[in-house]
C-alpha atoms as a PDB file:
ATOM      1  CA  UNK A   1     114.163 117.189 103.468  1.00  0.00           C
ATOM      2  CA  UNK A   2     115.057 114.597 100.868  1.00  0.00           C
ATOM      3  CA  UNK A   3     117.672 111.880 100.588  1.00  0.00           C
ATOM      4  CA  UNK A   4     118.081 111.812  96.840  1.00  0.00           C
ATOM      5  CA  UNK A   5     116.557 112.499  93.456  1.00  0.00           C
ATOM      6  CA  UNK A   6     116.885 110.288  90.400  1.00  0.00           C
ATOM      7  CA  UNK A   7     116.745 111.630  86.864  1.00  0.00           C
ATOM      8  CA  UNK A   8     116.289 109.154  84.032  1.00  0.00           C
ATOM      9  CA  UNK A   9     118.568 109.290  81.018  1.00  0.00           C
ATOM     10  CA  UNK A  10     119.184 107.142  77.955  1.00  0.00           C
ATOM     11  CA  UNK A  11     122.926 107.901  78.210  1.00  0.00           C
ATOM     12  CA  UNK A  12     123.686 108.994  81.786  1.00  0.00           C
ATOM     13  CA  UNK A  13     127.455 109.237  81.424  1.00  0.00           C
ATOM     14  CA  UNK A  14     127.237 111.451  78.337  1.00  0.00           C
ATOM     15  CA  UNK A  15     124.395 113.630  79.648  1.00  0.00           C
ATOM     16  CA  UNK A  16     126.140 114.004  83.001  1.00  0.00           C
ATOM     17  CA  UNK A  17     129.444 114.984  81.425  1.00  0.00           C
ATOM     18  CA  UNK A  18     127.917 117.438  78.968  1.00  0.00           C
ATOM     19  CA  UNK A  19     124.984 118.894  80.918  1.00  0.00           C
ATOM     20  CA  UNK A  20     124.808 118.073  84.621  1.00  0.00           C
ATOM     21  CA  UNK A  21     128.527 118.413  85.342  1.00  0.00           C
ATOM     22  CA  UNK A  22     128.749 122.070  84.265  1.00  0.00           C
ATOM     23  CA  UNK A  23     125.379 122.882  85.844  1.00  0.00           C
ATOM     24  CA  UNK A  24     126.231 121.327  89.218  1.00  0.00           C
ATOM     25  CA  UNK A  25     129.710 122.848  89.186  1.00  0.00           C
ATOM     26  CA  UNK A  26     128.305 126.391  89.294  1.00  0.00           C
ATOM     27  CA  UNK A  27     125.980 125.346  92.134  1.00  0.00           C
ATOM     28  CA  UNK A  28     128.889 123.867  94.096  1.00  0.00           C
ATOM     29  CA  UNK A  29     127.476 120.323  94.007  1.00  0.00           C
ATOM     30  CA  UNK A  30     130.344 117.814  93.680  1.00  0.00           C
ATOM     31  CA  UNK A  31     130.520 114.648  91.614  1.00  0.00           C
ATOM     32  CA  UNK A  32     130.363 111.638  93.984  1.00  0.00           C
ATOM     33  CA  UNK A  33     130.952 108.798  91.521  1.00  0.00           C
ATOM     34  CA  UNK A  34     130.445 107.702  87.954  1.00  0.00           C
ATOM     35  CA  UNK A  35     130.013 104.112  86.765  1.00  0.00           C
ATOM     36  CA  UNK A  36     128.488 102.747  83.586  1.00  0.00           C
ATOM     37  CA  UNK A  37     124.889 103.894  83.609  1.00  0.00           C
ATOM     38  CA  UNK A  38     124.887 105.801  86.929  1.00  0.00           C
ATOM     39  CA  UNK A  39     126.358 109.197  87.776  1.00  0.00           C
ATOM     40  CA  UNK A  40     125.927 110.612  91.282  1.00  0.00           C
ATOM     41  CA  UNK A  41     126.337 114.164  92.567  1.00  0.00           C
ATOM     42  CA  UNK A  42     126.084 115.522  96.094  1.00  0.00           C
ATOM     43  CA  UNK A  43     127.031 114.448  99.589  1.00  0.00           C
ATOM     44  CA  UNK A  44     127.264 110.703 100.395  1.00  0.00           C
ATOM     45  CA  UNK A  45     125.624 111.307 103.783  1.00  0.00           C
ATOM     46  CA  UNK A  46     123.305 114.088 102.588  1.00  0.00           C
ATOM     47  CA  UNK A  47     121.216 115.154  99.609  1.00  0.00           C
ATOM     48  CA  UNK A  48     122.256 113.760  96.253  1.00  0.00           C
ATOM     49  CA  UNK A  49     121.154 113.390  92.648  1.00  0.00           C
ATOM     50  CA  UNK A  50     121.546 110.277  90.530  1.00  0.00           C
ATOM     51  CA  UNK A  51     121.430 110.461  86.732  1.00  0.00           C
ATOM     52  CA  UNK A  52     120.744 106.918  85.543  1.00  0.00           C
ATOM     53  CA  UNK A  53     119.136 104.558  83.078  1.00  0.00           C
ATOM     54  CA  UNK A  54     115.673 103.555  84.305  1.00  0.00           C
ATOM     55  CA  UNK A  55     115.946 100.289  86.226  1.00  0.00           C
ATOM     56  CA  UNK A  56     112.963  98.792  84.387  1.00  0.00           C
ATOM     57  CA  UNK A  57     114.822  99.064  81.065  1.00  0.00           C
ATOM     58  CA  UNK A  58     112.184 101.371  79.607  1.00  0.00           C
ATOM     59  CA  UNK A  59     112.767 104.718  77.990  1.00  0.00           C
ATOM     60  CA  UNK A  60     113.416 107.685  80.283  1.00  0.00           C
ATOM     61  CA  UNK A  61     110.343 109.910  80.176  1.00  0.00           C
ATOM     62  CA  UNK A  62     110.160 113.345  81.825  1.00  0.00           C
ATOM     63  CA  UNK A  63     107.301 113.801  84.274  1.00  0.00           C
ATOM     64  CA  UNK A  64     104.525 116.201  83.366  1.00  0.00           C
ATOM     65  CA  UNK A  65     104.248 118.835  86.074  1.00  0.00           C
ATOM     66  CA  UNK A  66     107.276 117.667  88.035  1.00  0.00           C
ATOM     67  CA  UNK A  67     110.750 119.122  88.224  1.00  0.00           C
ATOM     68  CA  UNK A  68     113.779 119.182  90.477  1.00  0.00           C
ATOM     69  CA  UNK A  69     114.797 122.493  92.085  1.00  0.00           C
ATOM     70  CA  UNK A  70     118.290 123.050  93.485  1.00  0.00           C
ATOM     71  CA  UNK A  71     119.072 125.662  96.112  1.00  0.00           C
ATOM     72  CA  UNK A  72     121.424 128.401  95.013  1.00  0.00           C
ATOM     73  CA  UNK A  73     123.377 130.530  97.492  1.00  0.00           C
ATOM     74  CA  UNK A  74     122.835 133.728  95.506  1.00  0.00           C
ATOM     75  CA  UNK A  75     120.944 135.204  92.595  1.00  0.00           C
ATOM     76  CA  UNK A  76     124.244 135.351  90.726  1.00  0.00           C
ATOM     77  CA  UNK A  77     124.536 131.581  91.192  1.00  0.00           C
ATOM     78  CA  UNK A  78     121.040 131.155  89.686  1.00  0.00           C
ATOM     79  CA  UNK A  79     122.174 133.261  86.719  1.00  0.00           C
ATOM     80  CA  UNK A  80     125.343 131.139  86.362  1.00  0.00           C
ATOM     81  CA  UNK A  81     123.296 127.912  86.585  1.00  0.00           C
ATOM     82  CA  UNK A  82     121.018 129.114  83.797  1.00  0.00           C
ATOM     83  CA  UNK A  83     123.927 130.220  81.584  1.00  0.00           C
ATOM     84  CA  UNK A  84     125.774 126.915  82.124  1.00  0.00           C
ATOM     85  CA  UNK A  85     122.662 124.843  81.432  1.00  0.00           C
ATOM     86  CA  UNK A  86     121.836 126.712  78.207  1.00  0.00           C
ATOM     87  CA  UNK A  87     125.467 126.553  77.042  1.00  0.00           C
ATOM     88  CA  UNK A  88     125.450 122.787  77.698  1.00  0.00           C
ATOM     89  CA  UNK A  89     122.456 122.135  75.464  1.00  0.00           C
ATOM     90  CA  UNK A  90     119.584 122.838  77.831  1.00  0.00           C
ATOM     91  CA  UNK A  91     116.506 124.724  76.722  1.00  0.00           C
ATOM     92  CA  UNK A  92     114.856 127.688  78.387  1.00  0.00           C
ATOM     93  CA  UNK A  93     111.755 127.082  80.502  1.00  0.00           C
ATOM     94  CA  UNK A  94     111.899 130.405  82.349  1.00  0.00           C
ATOM     95  CA  UNK A  95     114.890 132.766  82.533  1.00  0.00           C
ATOM     96  CA  UNK A  96     116.358 133.975  85.815  1.00  0.00           C
ATOM     97  CA  UNK A  97     114.119 136.375  87.659  1.00  0.00           C
ATOM     98  CA  UNK A  98     111.897 137.063  90.627  1.00  0.00           C
ATOM     99  CA  UNK A  99     108.726 135.005  90.984  1.00  0.00           C
ATOM    100  CA  UNK A 100     106.863 137.041  93.634  1.00  0.00           C
ATOM    101  CA  UNK A 101     103.775 134.822  93.360  1.00  0.00           C
ATOM    102  CA  UNK A 102     105.791 132.255  95.398  1.00  0.00           C
ATOM    103  CA  UNK A 103     107.251 134.838  97.814  1.00  0.00           C
ATOM    104  CA  UNK A 104     108.865 138.269  97.608  1.00  0.00           C
ATOM    105  CA  UNK A 105     112.480 137.011  97.377  1.00  0.00           C
ATOM    106  CA  UNK A 106     111.961 133.913  95.215  1.00  0.00           C
ATOM    107  CA  UNK A 107     114.540 134.192  92.419  1.00  0.00           C
ATOM    108  CA  UNK A 108     114.689 131.218  90.091  1.00  0.00           C
ATOM    109  CA  UNK A 109     115.452 129.932  86.619  1.00  0.00           C
ATOM    110  CA  UNK A 110     114.078 126.897  84.800  1.00  0.00           C
ATOM    111  CA  UNK A 111     115.644 124.781  82.057  1.00  0.00           C
ATOM    112  CA  UNK A 112     115.122 121.412  80.426  1.00  0.00           C
ATOM    113  CA  UNK A 113     118.006 119.014  80.030  1.00  0.00           C
ATOM    114  CA  UNK A 114     118.684 117.461  76.592  1.00  0.00           C
ATOM    115  CA  UNK A 115     116.208 114.658  77.369  1.00  0.00           C
ATOM    116  CA  UNK A 116     113.396 116.959  78.476  1.00  0.00           C
ATOM    117  CA  UNK A 117     113.698 116.812  82.281  1.00  0.00           C
ATOM    118  CA  UNK A 118     112.802 120.141  83.903  1.00  0.00           C
ATOM    119  CA  UNK A 119     115.472 121.471  86.267  1.00  0.00           C
ATOM    120  CA  UNK A 120     115.521 124.649  88.341  1.00  0.00           C
ATOM    121  CA  UNK A 121     117.847 126.668  90.527  1.00  0.00           C
ATOM    122  CA  UNK A 122     116.339 128.969  93.153  1.00  0.00           C
ATOM    123  CA  UNK A 123     117.610 131.492  95.677  1.00  0.00           C
ATOM    124  CA  UNK A 124     115.298 132.519  98.520  1.00  0.00           C
ATOM    125  CA  UNK A 125     117.531 135.231  99.962  1.00  0.00           C
ATOM    126  CA  UNK A 126     116.605 138.899  99.836  1.00  0.00           C
ATOM    127  CA  UNK A 127     120.238 139.897  99.585  1.00  0.00           C
ATOM    128  CA  UNK A 128     121.207 137.096  97.218  1.00  0.00           C
END
């Protein structure tokens, strides 16, 4: 459904190495490339995430009410995402669990990265 997501950071290479790398590893999302100020994860011809300094030179500011949710293949992968994110300096915004108000099998976890961006992993499978 989407081409890519960008997440602003004041130090993309550091935040990617310390936070996003471990988090994406448990979700099976590969590192595409890393240059000064831009780190990319995902599939070159498919969905991807860029962690970067804002192009306007301003401070990276998390959006209020917005977040990025990554698909997990299983509930165990959601649990691993959450554990990796917390261990890497993320903060809890909602531990792994069912959220039946979305649908009966919606299993997700929410964290904030070290700069305040809200990130989620979700599994929609009943047998996940």
